[in-house]
PDB file of N, CA and C in Angstrom:
ATOM      1  N   MET A   1      79.630 -34.142-126.988  1.00  0.00           N
ATOM      2  CA  MET A   1      81.167 -33.656-126.383  1.00  0.00           C
ATOM      3  C   MET A   1      80.419 -35.023-126.211  1.00  0.00           C
ATOM      4  N   THR A   2      81.464 -36.099-126.062  1.00  0.00           N
ATOM      5  CA  THR A   2      81.144 -37.485-125.151  1.00  0.00           C
ATOM      6  C   THR A   2      82.457 -37.190-124.115  1.00  0.00           C
ATOM      7  N   THR A   3      82.168 -37.367-123.039  1.00  0.00           N
ATOM      8  CA  THR A   3      83.241 -37.898-121.884  1.00  0.00           C
ATOM      9  C   THR A   3      83.536 -38.832-122.081  1.00  0.00           C
ATOM     10  N   THR A   4      84.580 -39.143-122.048  1.00  0.00           N
ATOM     11  CA  THR A   4      85.511 -40.112-121.033  1.00  0.00           C
ATOM     12  C   THR A   4      85.461 -40.957-120.228  1.00  0.00           C
ATOM     13  N   PRO A   5      85.369 -42.482-119.885  1.00  0.00           N
ATOM     14  CA  PRO A   5      85.028 -42.497-118.604  1.00  0.00           C
ATOM     15  C   PRO A   5      86.075 -41.931-117.764  1.00  0.00           C
ATOM     16  N   ARG A   6      86.391 -41.983-116.999  1.00  0.00           N
ATOM     17  CA  ARG A   6      87.369 -41.735-115.583  1.00  0.00           C
ATOM     18  C   ARG A   6      88.047 -42.635-115.377  1.00  0.00           C
ATOM     19  N   ARG A   7      89.163 -43.162-115.496  1.00  0.00           N
ATOM     20  CA  ARG A   7      90.006 -43.944-114.781  1.00  0.00           C
ATOM     21  C   ARG A   7      90.719 -43.469-113.445  1.00  0.00           C
ATOM     22  N   PRO A   8      89.988 -44.434-112.421  1.00  0.00           N
ATOM     23  CA  PRO A   8      90.299 -44.447-111.059  1.00  0.00           C
ATOM     24  C   PRO A   8      91.947 -44.098-110.933  1.00  0.00           C
ATOM     25  N   ASP A   9      92.593 -43.383-109.963  1.00  0.00           N
ATOM     26  CA  ASP A   9      93.615 -43.470-109.871  1.00  0.00           C
ATOM     27  C   ASP A   9      94.447 -44.594-108.014  1.00  0.00           C
ATOM     28  N   LEU A  10      95.337 -45.423-109.387  1.00  0.00           N
ATOM     29  CA  LEU A  10      96.097 -46.245-109.069  1.00  0.00           C
ATOM     30  C   LEU A  10      97.086 -46.402-108.073  1.00  0.00           C
ATOM     31  N   ARG A  11      97.379 -45.081-108.157  1.00  0.00           N
ATOM     32  CA  ARG A  11      98.551 -44.594-107.310  1.00  0.00           C
ATOM     33  C   ARG A  11      97.625 -44.314-105.342  1.00  0.00           C
ATOM     34  N   ARG A  12      96.472 -44.377-105.240  1.00  0.00           N
ATOM     35  CA  ARG A  12      95.713 -43.462-104.516  1.00  0.00           C
ATOM     36  C   ARG A  12      95.607 -45.315-103.301  1.00  0.00           C
ATOM     37  N   GLY A  13      95.358 -45.791-103.861  1.00  0.00           N
ATOM     38  CA  GLY A  13      95.493 -47.178-103.264  1.00  0.00           C
ATOM     39  C   GLY A  13      96.541 -47.822-102.574  1.00  0.00           C
ATOM     40  N   LEU A  14      97.489 -47.289-103.842  1.00  0.00           N
ATOM     41  CA  LEU A  14      98.838 -48.227-103.418  1.00  0.00           C
ATOM     42  C   LEU A  14      99.509 -47.643-102.483  1.00  0.00           C
ATOM     43  N   LEU A  15      99.446 -46.552-101.628  1.00  0.00           N
ATOM     44  CA  LEU A  15      99.945 -46.567-100.451  1.00  0.00           C
ATOM     45  C   LEU A  15      99.907 -47.215 -99.054  1.00  0.00           C
ATOM     46  N   PRO A  16      98.049 -47.141 -99.149  1.00  0.00           N
ATOM     47  CA  PRO A  16      97.822 -47.877 -97.769  1.00  0.00           C
ATOM     48  C   PRO A  16      98.171 -49.455 -98.127  1.00  0.00           C
ATOM     49  N   ALA A  17      97.967 -50.348 -98.994  1.00  0.00           N
ATOM     50  CA  ALA A  17      98.211 -51.465 -99.135  1.00  0.00           C
ATOM     51  C   ALA A  17     100.070 -51.696 -99.093  1.00  0.00           C
ATOM     52  N   ALA A  18     100.397 -50.531 -99.669  1.00  0.00           N
ATOM     53  CA  ALA A  18     101.516 -51.277 -99.322  1.00  0.00           C
ATOM     54  C   ALA A  18     102.549 -50.591 -97.215  1.00  0.00           C
ATOM     55  N   LEU A  19     101.517 -49.937 -97.015  1.00  0.00           N
ATOM     56  CA  LEU A  19     101.328 -49.741 -95.470  1.00  0.00           C
ATOM     57  C   LEU A  19     101.065 -51.589 -94.788  1.00  0.00           C
ATOM     58  N   VAL A  20      99.891 -52.082 -95.069  1.00  0.00           N
ATOM     59  CA  VAL A  20      99.624 -53.578 -94.344  1.00  0.00           C
ATOM     60  C   VAL A  20     100.474 -54.389 -95.376  1.00  0.00           C
ATOM     61  N   LEU A  21     101.223 -54.200 -96.072  1.00  0.00           N
ATOM     62  CA  LEU A  21     101.541 -55.515 -96.468  1.00  0.00           C
ATOM     63  C   LEU A  21     103.130 -55.234 -95.768  1.00  0.00           C
ATOM     64  N   GLY A  22     103.857 -54.229 -95.128  1.00  0.00           N
ATOM     65  CA  GLY A  22     105.182 -54.000 -94.529  1.00  0.00           C
ATOM     66  C   GLY A  22     105.120 -53.966 -93.398  1.00  0.00           C
ATOM     67  N   LEU A  23     103.568 -53.954 -93.164  1.00  0.00           N
ATOM     68  CA  LEU A  23     103.057 -54.005 -91.067  1.00  0.00           C
ATOM     69  C   LEU A  23     102.647 -55.901 -90.773  1.00  0.00           C
ATOM     70  N   GLY A  24     102.472 -56.394 -91.522  1.00  0.00           N
ATOM     71  CA  GLY A  24     101.739 -57.492 -92.056  1.00  0.00           C
ATOM     72  C   GLY A  24     103.559 -58.869 -91.757  1.00  0.00           C
ATOM     73  N   LEU A  25     103.963 -58.051 -92.933  1.00  0.00           N
ATOM     74  CA  LEU A  25     105.824 -58.554 -92.855  1.00  0.00           C
ATOM     75  C   LEU A  25     106.750 -58.440 -91.541  1.00  0.00           C
ATOM     76  N   SER A  26     106.041 -57.376 -91.320  1.00  0.00           N
ATOM     77  CA  SER A  26     107.226 -57.242 -89.824  1.00  0.00           C
ATOM     78  C   SER A  26     107.084 -57.392 -88.561  1.00  0.00           C
ATOM     79  N   ALA A  27     106.143 -58.517 -88.057  1.00  0.00           N
ATOM     80  CA  ALA A  27     105.215 -58.892 -87.273  1.00  0.00           C
ATOM     81  C   ALA A  27     106.151 -59.689 -87.058  1.00  0.00           C
ATOM     82  N   PRO A  28     106.340 -60.860 -87.355  1.00  0.00           N
ATOM     83  CA  PRO A  28     106.880 -61.967 -86.648  1.00  0.00           C
ATOM     84  C   PRO A  28     108.787 -62.213 -87.048  1.00  0.00           C
ATOM     85  N   VAL A  29     109.259 -60.767 -87.327  1.00  0.00           N
ATOM     86  CA  VAL A  29     110.771 -60.186 -87.137  1.00  0.00           C
ATOM     87  C   VAL A  29     110.453 -60.033 -85.323  1.00  0.00           C
ATOM     88  N   ALA A  30     109.844 -59.127 -85.293  1.00  0.00           N
ATOM     89  CA  ALA A  30     109.399 -58.858 -83.781  1.00  0.00           C
ATOM     90  C   ALA A  30     109.004 -59.576 -83.458  1.00  0.00           C
ATOM     91  N   ALA A  31     108.292 -60.347 -83.628  1.00  0.00           N
ATOM     92  CA  ALA A  31     108.289 -61.819 -82.762  1.00  0.00           C
ATOM     93  C   ALA A  31     109.355 -62.480 -81.857  1.00  0.00           C
ATOM     94  N   GLU A  32     110.263 -62.526 -83.419  1.00  0.00           N
ATOM     95  CA  GLU A  32     111.298 -63.713 -83.073  1.00  0.00           C
ATOM     96  C   GLU A  32     111.870 -63.102 -82.125  1.00  0.00           C
ATOM     97  N   GLN A  33     112.393 -61.269 -82.097  1.00  0.00           N
ATOM     98  CA  GLN A  33     113.369 -61.171 -80.947  1.00  0.00           C
ATOM     99  C   GLN A  33     112.743 -59.927 -79.132  1.00  0.00           C
ATOM    100  N   GLU A  34     111.719 -60.945 -79.198  1.00  0.00           N
ATOM    101  CA  GLU A  34     111.564 -61.193 -77.609  1.00  0.00           C
ATOM    102  C   GLU A  34     111.686 -61.856 -76.630  1.00  0.00           C
ATOM    103  N   GLY A  35     111.819 -62.945 -77.087  1.00  0.00           N
ATOM    104  CA  GLY A  35     112.571 -64.073 -76.102  1.00  0.00           C
ATOM    105  C   GLY A  35     113.971 -63.726 -76.195  1.00  0.00           C
ATOM    106  N   PRO A  36     114.529 -64.439 -74.597  1.00  0.00           N
ATOM    107  CA  PRO A  36     116.048 -65.176 -74.723  1.00  0.00           C
ATOM    108  C   PRO A  36     116.363 -66.690 -75.408  1.00  0.00           C
ATOM    109  N   ILE A  37     117.506 -65.809 -76.033  1.00  0.00           N
ATOM    110  CA  ILE A  37     117.756 -66.666 -76.969  1.00  0.00           C
ATOM    111  C   ILE A  37     118.493 -67.833 -75.865  1.00  0.00           C
ATOM    112  N   VAL A  38     117.751 -69.467 -76.643  1.00  0.00           N
ATOM    113  CA  VAL A  38     117.885 -70.750 -75.952  1.00  0.00           C
ATOM    114  C   VAL A  38     118.586 -71.589 -76.045  1.00  0.00           C
ATOM    115  N   THR A  39     120.510 -71.881 -75.608  1.00  0.00           N
ATOM    116  CA  THR A  39     121.136 -72.953 -76.347  1.00  0.00           C
ATOM    117  C   THR A  39     120.929 -74.214 -75.569  1.00  0.00           C
ATOM    118  N   PRO A  40     120.820 -75.214 -76.988  1.00  0.00           N
ATOM    119  CA  PRO A  40     120.628 -76.614 -76.729  1.00  0.00           C
ATOM    120  C   PRO A  40     122.024 -76.897 -75.663  1.00  0.00           C
ATOM    121  N   PRO A  41     121.624 -77.538 -74.528  1.00  0.00           N
ATOM    122  CA  PRO A  41     122.577 -78.413 -73.325  1.00  0.00           C
ATOM    123  C   PRO A  41     123.596 -78.952 -74.532  1.00  0.00           C
ATOM    124  N   PRO A  42     124.342 -79.770 -74.096  1.00  0.00           N
ATOM    125  CA  PRO A  42     125.558 -80.790 -75.233  1.00  0.00           C
ATOM    126  C   PRO A  42     125.095 -82.602 -74.403  1.00  0.00           C
ATOM    127  N   ALA A  43     125.054 -82.904 -75.527  1.00  0.00           N
ATOM    128  CA  ALA A  43     124.814 -84.209 -75.656  1.00  0.00           C
ATOM    129  C   ALA A  43     125.499 -84.934 -74.460  1.00  0.00           C
ATOM    130  N   PRO A  44     125.423 -85.694 -73.162  1.00  0.00           N
ATOM    131  CA  PRO A  44     126.018 -87.370 -72.728  1.00  0.00           C
ATOM    132  C   PRO A  44     127.180 -87.253 -73.629  1.00  0.00           C
ATOM    133  N   GLU A  45     128.501 -87.313 -73.228  1.00  0.00           N
ATOM    134  CA  GLU A  45     129.445 -87.947 -73.601  1.00  0.00           C
ATOM    135  C   GLU A  45     129.541 -89.382 -73.594  1.00  0.00           C
ATOM    136  N   GLU A  46     128.413 -90.552 -73.492  1.00  0.00           N
ATOM    137  CA  GLU A  46     128.665 -91.770 -72.678  1.00  0.00           C
ATOM    138  C   GLU A  46     127.615 -92.332 -73.862  1.00  0.00           C
ATOM    139  N   LEU A  47     126.708 -91.099 -74.394  1.00  0.00           N
ATOM    140  CA  LEU A  47     125.763 -91.336 -75.490  1.00  0.00           C
ATOM    141  C   LEU A  47     126.225 -91.082 -76.776  1.00  0.00           C
ATOM    142  N   THR A  48     127.684 -91.245 -77.247  1.00  0.00           N
ATOM    143  CA  THR A  48     127.647 -91.660 -78.986  1.00  0.00           C
ATOM    144  C   THR A  48     127.347 -92.498 -79.979  1.00  0.00           C
ATOM    145  N   GLU A  49     126.286 -92.285 -81.290  1.00  0.00           N
ATOM    146  CA  GLU A  49     126.358 -92.573 -82.454  1.00  0.00           C
ATOM    147  C   GLU A  49     126.823 -93.386 -82.926  1.00  0.00           C
ATOM    148  N   GLY A  50     126.455 -94.883 -83.427  1.00  0.00           N
ATOM    149  CA  GLY A  50     126.985 -95.625 -84.139  1.00  0.00           C
ATOM    150  C   GLY A  50     128.091 -96.180 -82.756  1.00  0.00           C
ATOM    151  N   GLU A  51     127.983 -96.204 -82.003  1.00  0.00           N
ATOM    152  CA  GLU A  51     129.336 -96.864 -81.017  1.00  0.00           C
ATOM    153  C   GLU A  51     128.810 -97.873 -81.125  1.00  0.00           C
ATOM    154  N   GLU A  52     129.457 -99.392 -81.331  1.00  0.00           N
ATOM    155  CA  GLU A  52     129.166-100.544 -80.872  1.00  0.00           C
ATOM    156  C   GLU A  52     129.172-101.254 -79.911  1.00  0.00           C
ATOM    157  N   ILE A  53     127.992-101.904 -78.936  1.00  0.00           N
ATOM    158  CA  ILE A  53     127.933-102.266 -78.264  1.00  0.00           C
ATOM    159  C   ILE A  53     129.199-103.313 -78.037  1.00  0.00           C
ATOM    160  N   GLU A  54     130.162-103.372 -76.893  1.00  0.00           N
ATOM    161  CA  GLU A  54     130.930-104.862 -77.472  1.00  0.00           C
ATOM    162  C   GLU A  54     130.607-106.106 -75.432  1.00  0.00           C
ATOM    163  N   PRO A  55     129.922-107.311 -75.032  1.00  0.00           N
ATOM    164  CA  PRO A  55     129.956-107.880 -75.577  1.00  0.00           C
ATOM    165  C   PRO A  55     130.820-108.146 -74.150  1.00  0.00           C
ATOM    166  N   THR A  56     130.505-108.632 -73.234  1.00  0.00           N
ATOM    167  CA  THR A  56     130.970-109.432 -71.874  1.00  0.00           C
ATOM    168  C   THR A  56     131.640-111.047 -71.997  1.00  0.00           C
ATOM    169  N   VAL A  57     132.246-111.959 -72.335  1.00  0.00           N
ATOM    170  CA  VAL A  57     132.316-112.308 -72.675  1.00  0.00           C
ATOM    171  C   VAL A  57     132.626-113.356 -71.132  1.00  0.00           C
ATOM    172  N   ARG A  58     132.443-114.046 -70.421  1.00  0.00           N
ATOM    173  CA  ARG A  58     132.895-115.331 -69.428  1.00  0.00           C
ATOM    174  C   ARG A  58     132.760-116.816 -69.442  1.00  0.00           C
ATOM    175  N   ILE A  59     134.044-117.007 -69.024  1.00  0.00           N
ATOM    176  CA  ILE A  59     134.753-118.451 -69.128  1.00  0.00           C
ATOM    177  C   ILE A  59     134.832-118.915 -68.717  1.00  0.00           C
ATOM    178  N   LEU A  60     133.571-120.049 -68.590  1.00  0.00           N
ATOM    179  CA  LEU A  60     134.240-120.879 -66.671  1.00  0.00           C
ATOM    180  C   LEU A  60     133.972-122.178 -67.322  1.00  0.00           C
ATOM    181  N   ARG A  61     135.196-122.849 -66.480  1.00  0.00           N
ATOM    182  CA  ARG A  61     135.522-124.015 -67.240  1.00  0.00           C
ATOM    183  C   ARG A  61     135.362-124.813 -66.282  1.00  0.00           C
ATOM    184  N   ARG A  62     134.672-126.310 -66.037  1.00  0.00           N
ATOM    185  CA  ARG A  62     134.155-127.106 -65.423  1.00  0.00           C
ATOM    186  C   ARG A  62     134.549-129.089 -66.451  1.00  0.00           C
ATOM    187  N   GLU A  63     134.764-130.312 -65.652  1.00  0.00           N
ATOM    188  CA  GLU A  63     134.917-131.045 -66.190  1.00  0.00           C
ATOM    189  C   GLU A  63     134.005-131.527 -67.074  1.00  0.00           C
ATOM    190  N   TRP A  64     132.798-131.292 -67.347  1.00  0.00           N
ATOM    191  CA  TRP A  64     131.703-131.509 -68.215  1.00  0.00           C
ATOM    192  C   TRP A  64     131.603-130.928 -69.747  1.00  0.00           C
ATOM    193  N   ALA A  65     131.902-129.489 -68.808  1.00  0.00           N
ATOM    194  CA  ALA A  65     131.507-128.306 -70.060  1.00  0.00           C
ATOM    195  C   ALA A  65     132.756-127.510 -69.772  1.00  0.00           C
ATOM    196  N   THR A  66     132.342-126.759 -71.300  1.00  0.00           N
ATOM    197  CA  THR A  66     132.907-124.930 -71.042  1.00  0.00           C
ATOM    198  C   THR A  66     132.148-124.096 -71.551  1.00  0.00           C
ATOM    199  N   ILE A  67     131.225-122.966 -70.563  1.00  0.00           N
ATOM    200  CA  ILE A  67     130.230-122.385 -70.458  1.00  0.00           C
ATOM    201  C   ILE A  67     131.073-121.447 -70.179  1.00  0.00           C
ATOM    202  N   GLU A  68     130.200-120.590 -71.710  1.00  0.00           N
ATOM    203  CA  GLU A  68     130.898-119.158 -72.213  1.00  0.00           C
ATOM    204  C   GLU A  68     129.315-118.219 -72.182  1.00  0.00           C
ATOM    205  N   GLU A  69     129.227-117.273 -70.871  1.00  0.00           N
ATOM    206  CA  GLU A  69     128.396-116.295 -70.662  1.00  0.00           C
ATOM    207  C   GLU A  69     128.668-115.217 -71.449  1.00  0.00           C
ATOM    208  N   PHE A  70     127.216-114.618 -72.126  1.00  0.00           N
ATOM    209  CA  PHE A  70     127.759-113.197 -72.629  1.00  0.00           C
ATOM    210  C   PHE A  70     126.943-112.007 -71.918  1.00  0.00           C
ATOM    211  N   SER A  71     127.366-110.818 -71.713  1.00  0.00           N
ATOM    212  CA  SER A  71     126.858-110.484 -71.609  1.00  0.00           C
ATOM    213  C   SER A  71     126.594-108.893 -71.565  1.00  0.00           C
ATOM    214  N   ILE A  72     125.944-108.069 -71.395  1.00  0.00           N
ATOM    215  CA  ILE A  72     125.878-106.383 -72.012  1.00  0.00           C
ATOM    216  C   ILE A  72     124.895-105.843 -70.562  1.00  0.00           C
ATOM    217  N   ASP A  73     126.657-104.959 -70.135  1.00  0.00           N
ATOM    218  CA  ASP A  73     126.191-104.394 -68.498  1.00  0.00           C
ATOM    219  C   ASP A  73     125.547-104.546 -67.986  1.00  0.00           C
ATOM    220  N   GLY A  74     126.244-106.388 -67.235  1.00  0.00           N
ATOM    221  CA  GLY A  74     125.758-106.969 -66.362  1.00  0.00           C
ATOM    222  C   GLY A  74     124.452-108.272 -66.936  1.00  0.00           C
ATOM    223  N   GLN A  75     123.821-108.031 -67.529  1.00  0.00           N
ATOM    224  CA  GLN A  75     123.087-108.964 -67.558  1.00  0.00           C
ATOM    225  C   GLN A  75     122.984-109.282 -69.104  1.00  0.00           C
ATOM    226  N   ILE A  76     123.210-110.926 -68.411  1.00  0.00           N
ATOM    227  CA  ILE A  76     123.582-111.722 -69.360  1.00  0.00           C
ATOM    228  C   ILE A  76     122.199-112.179 -70.375  1.00  0.00           C
ATOM    229  N   TYR A  77     122.673-112.062 -71.442  1.00  0.00           N
ATOM    230  CA  TYR A  77     121.764-112.840 -72.346  1.00  0.00           C
ATOM    231  C   TYR A  77     121.620-114.115 -73.398  1.00  0.00           C
ATOM    232  N   ALA A  78     123.038-114.367 -73.524  1.00  0.00           N
ATOM    233  CA  ALA A  78     123.686-115.588 -74.557  1.00  0.00           C
ATOM    234  C   ALA A  78     124.219-116.503 -72.872  1.00  0.00           C
ATOM    235  N   VAL A  79     124.122-117.682 -72.887  1.00  0.00           N
ATOM    236  CA  VAL A  79     125.442-118.753 -72.142  1.00  0.00           C
ATOM    237  C   VAL A  79     125.247-119.910 -73.066  1.00  0.00           C
ATOM    238  N   ARG A  80     126.421-120.345 -73.945  1.00  0.00           N
ATOM    239  CA  ARG A  80     126.960-121.308 -75.093  1.00  0.00           C
ATOM    240  C   ARG A  80     127.266-122.595 -73.986  1.00  0.00           C
ATOM    241  N   ILE A  81     126.897-123.911 -73.766  1.00  0.00           N
ATOM    242  CA  ILE A  81     127.753-124.272 -73.435  1.00  0.00           C
ATOM    243  C   ILE A  81     128.236-125.630 -74.549  1.00  0.00           C
ATOM    244  N   THR A  82     129.678-126.197 -74.110  1.00  0.00           N
ATOM    245  CA  THR A  82     130.272-126.810 -74.574  1.00  0.00           C
ATOM    246  C   THR A  82     130.621-128.100 -74.012  1.00  0.00           C
ATOM    247  N   PRO A  83     129.372-129.133 -73.995  1.00  0.00           N
ATOM    248  CA  PRO A  83     129.898-130.236 -73.294  1.00  0.00           C
ATOM    249  C   PRO A  83     131.072-131.193 -74.286  1.00  0.00           C
ATOM    250  N   VAL A  84     132.221-131.476 -73.348  1.00  0.00           N
ATOM    251  CA  VAL A  84     133.190-132.398 -73.625  1.00  0.00           C
ATOM    252  C   VAL A  84     132.862-133.121 -74.528  1.00  0.00           C
ATOM    253  N   VAL A  85     131.412-133.881 -74.835  1.00  0.00           N
ATOM    254  CA  VAL A  85     131.151-134.945 -75.482  1.00  0.00           C
ATOM    255  C   VAL A  85     129.316-134.585 -76.056  1.00  0.00           C
ATOM    256  N   GLY A  86     129.398-134.203 -77.709  1.00  0.00           N
ATOM    257  CA  GLY A  86     127.930-133.874 -77.755  1.00  0.00           C
ATOM    258  C   GLY A  86     128.829-132.548 -78.765  1.00  0.00           C
ATOM    259  N   PRO A  87     127.085-131.825 -79.251  1.00  0.00           N
ATOM    260  CA  PRO A  87     127.543-130.434 -79.974  1.00  0.00           C
ATOM    261  C   PRO A  87     126.298-129.064 -78.767  1.00  0.00           C
ATOM    262  N   PRO A  88     127.797-127.675 -78.776  1.00  0.00           N
ATOM    263  CA  PRO A  88     127.064-127.295 -78.015  1.00  0.00           C
ATOM    264  C   PRO A  88     125.895-127.177 -78.361  1.00  0.00           C
ATOM    265  N   TYR A  89     125.375-126.322 -77.149  1.00  0.00           N
ATOM    266  CA  TYR A  89     123.758-125.470 -77.274  1.00  0.00           C
ATOM    267  C   TYR A  89     124.159-124.503 -76.087  1.00  0.00           C
ATOM    268  N   TYR A  90     122.891-123.726 -76.216  1.00  0.00           N
ATOM    269  CA  TYR A  90     122.873-122.211 -75.783  1.00  0.00           C
ATOM    270  C   TYR A  90     121.378-122.150 -75.185  1.00  0.00           C
ATOM    271  N   LEU A  91     121.343-121.219 -74.321  1.00  0.00           N
ATOM    272  CA  LEU A  91     120.752-120.530 -73.488  1.00  0.00           C
ATOM    273  C   LEU A  91     121.101-119.097 -73.718  1.00  0.00           C
ATOM    274  N   ILE A  92     119.322-118.819 -74.308  1.00  0.00           N
ATOM    275  CA  ILE A  92     119.892-117.012 -74.749  1.00  0.00           C
ATOM    276  C   ILE A  92     117.793-116.364 -73.848  1.00  0.00           C
ATOM    277  N   ASP A  93     118.131-114.915 -73.696  1.00  0.00           N
ATOM    278  CA  ASP A  93     117.074-114.428 -72.973  1.00  0.00           C
ATOM    279  C   ASP A  93     116.377-113.472 -74.495  1.00  0.00           C
ATOM    280  N   THR A  94     115.257-114.729 -74.693  1.00  0.00           N
ATOM    281  CA  THR A  94     114.853-113.996 -75.491  1.00  0.00           C
ATOM    282  C   THR A  94     114.202-112.093 -75.978  1.00  0.00           C
ATOM    283  N   ASP A  95     113.395-112.462 -74.289  1.00  0.00           N
ATOM    284  CA  ASP A  95     112.298-111.446 -74.799  1.00  0.00           C
ATOM    285  C   ASP A  95     113.181-109.824 -73.152  1.00  0.00           C
ATOM    286  N   GLY A  96     114.303-110.064 -72.667  1.00  0.00           N
ATOM    287  CA  GLY A  96     114.590-109.479 -72.207  1.00  0.00           C
ATOM    288  C   GLY A  96     114.106-109.932 -70.924  1.00  0.00           C
ATOM    289  N   ASP A  97     113.091-110.606 -69.773  1.00  0.00           N
ATOM    290  CA  ASP A  97     113.117-110.809 -68.235  1.00  0.00           C
ATOM    291  C   ASP A  97     114.050-111.351 -67.771  1.00  0.00           C
ATOM    292  N   GLY A  98     114.922-112.600 -67.917  1.00  0.00           N
ATOM    293  CA  GLY A  98     116.055-112.565 -67.341  1.00  0.00           C
ATOM    294  C   GLY A  98     116.239-114.504 -67.174  1.00  0.00           C
ATOM    295  N   VAL A  99     114.935-114.797 -68.036  1.00  0.00           N
ATOM    296  CA  VAL A  99     114.848-116.314 -67.798  1.00  0.00           C
ATOM    297  C   VAL A  99     115.646-116.674 -69.548  1.00  0.00           C
ATOM    298  N   LEU A 100     116.081-117.262 -69.512  1.00  0.00           N
ATOM    299  CA  LEU A 100     117.417-118.307 -70.214  1.00  0.00           C
ATOM    300  C   LEU A 100     115.853-119.337 -71.200  1.00  0.00           C
ATOM    301  N   ASN A 101     116.427-118.949 -72.080  1.00  0.00           N
ATOM    302  CA  ASN A 101     115.450-120.160 -72.938  1.00  0.00           C
ATOM    303  C   ASN A 101     116.518-120.876 -73.808  1.00  0.00           C
ATOM    304  N   GLU A 102     116.294-122.583 -74.240  1.00  0.00           N
ATOM    305  CA  GLU A 102     117.485-123.488 -75.418  1.00  0.00           C
ATOM    306  C   GLU A 102     116.997-123.042 -76.306  1.00  0.00           C
ATOM    307  N   ARG A 103     118.214-123.139 -77.090  1.00  0.00           N
ATOM    308  CA  ARG A 103     118.177-122.860 -78.403  1.00  0.00           C
ATOM    309  C   ARG A 103     119.443-123.315 -79.059  1.00  0.00           C
ATOM    310  N   ALA A 104     119.683-124.526 -79.774  1.00  0.00           N
ATOM    311  CA  ALA A 104     120.731-125.077 -79.987  1.00  0.00           C
ATOM    312  C   ALA A 104     121.290-124.508 -81.525  1.00  0.00           C
ATOM    313  N   ASP A 105     120.030-123.944 -82.328  1.00  0.00           N
ATOM    314  CA  ASP A 105     120.875-123.179 -83.561  1.00  0.00           C
ATOM    315  C   ASP A 105     121.791-121.175 -83.410  1.00  0.00           C
ATOM    316  N   TYR A 106     121.501-121.331 -81.723  1.00  0.00           N
ATOM    317  CA  TYR A 106     121.942-119.849 -81.512  1.00  0.00           C
ATOM    318  C   TYR A 106     123.091-119.780 -81.821  1.00  0.00           C
ATOM    319  N   ASP A 107     123.603-118.168 -82.577  1.00  0.00           N
ATOM    320  CA  ASP A 107     125.346-118.175 -81.983  1.00  0.00           C
ATOM    321  C   ASP A 107     125.569-116.390 -82.264  1.00  0.00           C
ATOM    322  N   PRO A 108     126.052-115.917 -80.436  1.00  0.00           N
ATOM    323  CA  PRO A 108     126.049-114.890 -80.246  1.00  0.00           C
ATOM    324  C   PRO A 108     126.580-114.084 -80.950  1.00  0.00           C
ATOM    325  N   HIS A 109     128.392-114.167 -82.106  1.00  0.00           N
ATOM    326  CA  HIS A 109     128.923-113.813 -83.031  1.00  0.00           C
ATOM    327  C   HIS A 109     128.012-113.395 -84.111  1.00  0.00           C
ATOM    328  N   LYS A 110     127.089-113.835 -84.609  1.00  0.00           N
ATOM    329  CA  LYS A 110     125.981-114.079 -85.901  1.00  0.00           C
ATOM    330  C   LYS A 110     124.471-113.502 -85.566  1.00  0.00           C
ATOM    331  N   ALA A 111     124.220-112.821 -86.577  1.00  0.00           N
ATOM    332  CA  ALA A 111     122.802-112.136 -86.517  1.00  0.00           C
ATOM    333  C   ALA A 111     121.902-113.107 -87.156  1.00  0.00           C
ATOM    334  N   PRO A 112     120.834-112.890 -85.934  1.00  0.00           N
ATOM    335  CA  PRO A 112     119.779-113.935 -85.721  1.00  0.00           C
ATOM    336  C   PRO A 112     119.251-114.531 -86.408  1.00  0.00           C
ATOM    337  N   LYS A 113     118.904-115.894 -86.997  1.00  0.00           N
ATOM    338  CA  LYS A 113     117.930-115.661 -88.726  1.00  0.00           C
ATOM    339  C   LYS A 113     116.874-115.638 -88.010  1.00  0.00           C
ATOM    340  N   ILE A 114     116.360-114.174 -89.290  1.00  0.00           N
ATOM    341  CA  ILE A 114     115.245-114.712 -89.232  1.00  0.00           C
ATOM    342  C   ILE A 114     114.304-115.546 -90.437  1.00  0.00           C
ATOM    343  N   HIS A 115     113.729-116.451 -89.790  1.00  0.00           N
ATOM    344  CA  HIS A 115     112.409-117.041 -89.816  1.00  0.00           C
ATOM    345  C   HIS A 115     111.388-116.184 -91.206  1.00  0.00           C
ATOM    346  N   ARG A 116     110.946-117.122 -92.260  1.00  0.00           N
ATOM    347  CA  ARG A 116     110.429-116.723 -93.539  1.00  0.00           C
ATOM    348  C   ARG A 116     109.535-118.401 -94.070  1.00  0.00           C
ATOM    349  N   TRP A 117     108.724-117.708 -93.968  1.00  0.00           N
ATOM    350  CA  TRP A 117     107.270-118.567 -94.641  1.00  0.00           C
ATOM    351  C   TRP A 117     106.663-118.368 -95.975  1.00  0.00           C
ATOM    352  N   GLU A 118     107.062-119.645 -96.688  1.00  0.00           N
ATOM    353  CA  GLU A 118     106.431-118.782 -98.478  1.00  0.00           C
ATOM    354  C   GLU A 118     104.260-119.164 -97.598  1.00  0.00           C
ATOM    355  N   LEU A 119     104.511-118.171 -97.610  1.00  0.00           N
ATOM    356  CA  LEU A 119     101.959-118.447 -97.383  1.00  0.00           C
ATOM    357  C   LEU A 119     101.442-118.733 -98.905  1.00  0.00           C
ATOM    358  N   LEU A 120     102.239-117.860 -99.931  1.00  0.00           N
ATOM    359  CA  LEU A 120     101.035-117.653-101.452  1.00  0.00           C
ATOM    360  C   LEU A 120     102.110-118.211-102.601  1.00  0.00           C
ATOM    361  N   ARG A 121     101.925-118.634-103.251  1.00  0.00           N
ATOM    362  CA  ARG A 121     103.328-118.379-104.357  1.00  0.00           C
ATOM    363  C   ARG A 121     102.203-118.499-105.490  1.00  0.00           C
ATOM    364  N   TRP A 122     102.570-117.342-106.824  1.00  0.00           N
ATOM    365  CA  TRP A 122     101.458-117.324-108.757  1.00  0.00           C
ATOM    366  C   TRP A 122     102.420-117.083-109.408  1.00  0.00           C
TER     367      TRP A 122
END
C-alpha cells in the first residue's frame, strides 16, 4: 500500500495571516485619529495672487525739463528726465540699493530688454 504525501492544510495558516494584515492596516487609521484637527489660517487680504502692482508716477515740471518719478510703495525705482532740448534719458535703480544709474534706452512701461550674445554657431 502506498501512502500519498499529506498536503498541509492552508486554512490553518490563513487565520494568523489575516489577523496580522488587519492589524497592520488599522494602525495608520488609529494614528490619524489621535491628534486634534488643525485648520489653516485664512490668507491675508492684501496678498492676492495675480494682482498687478501699479507704480505711482509723480511728474515734476521745471524750466529745463519734465521729470517723472516712478515708485512702488514709496521706493523710487526709475526716473525719466525729458529735457526741453534733446532726447529723454532714464535713471534706474538696477539692484534695489536706492542708487539710480543712468540708462538711455530704458522705458519703465515696457518689459526690460534681455541681452543675448551668440557665442558659438555651427
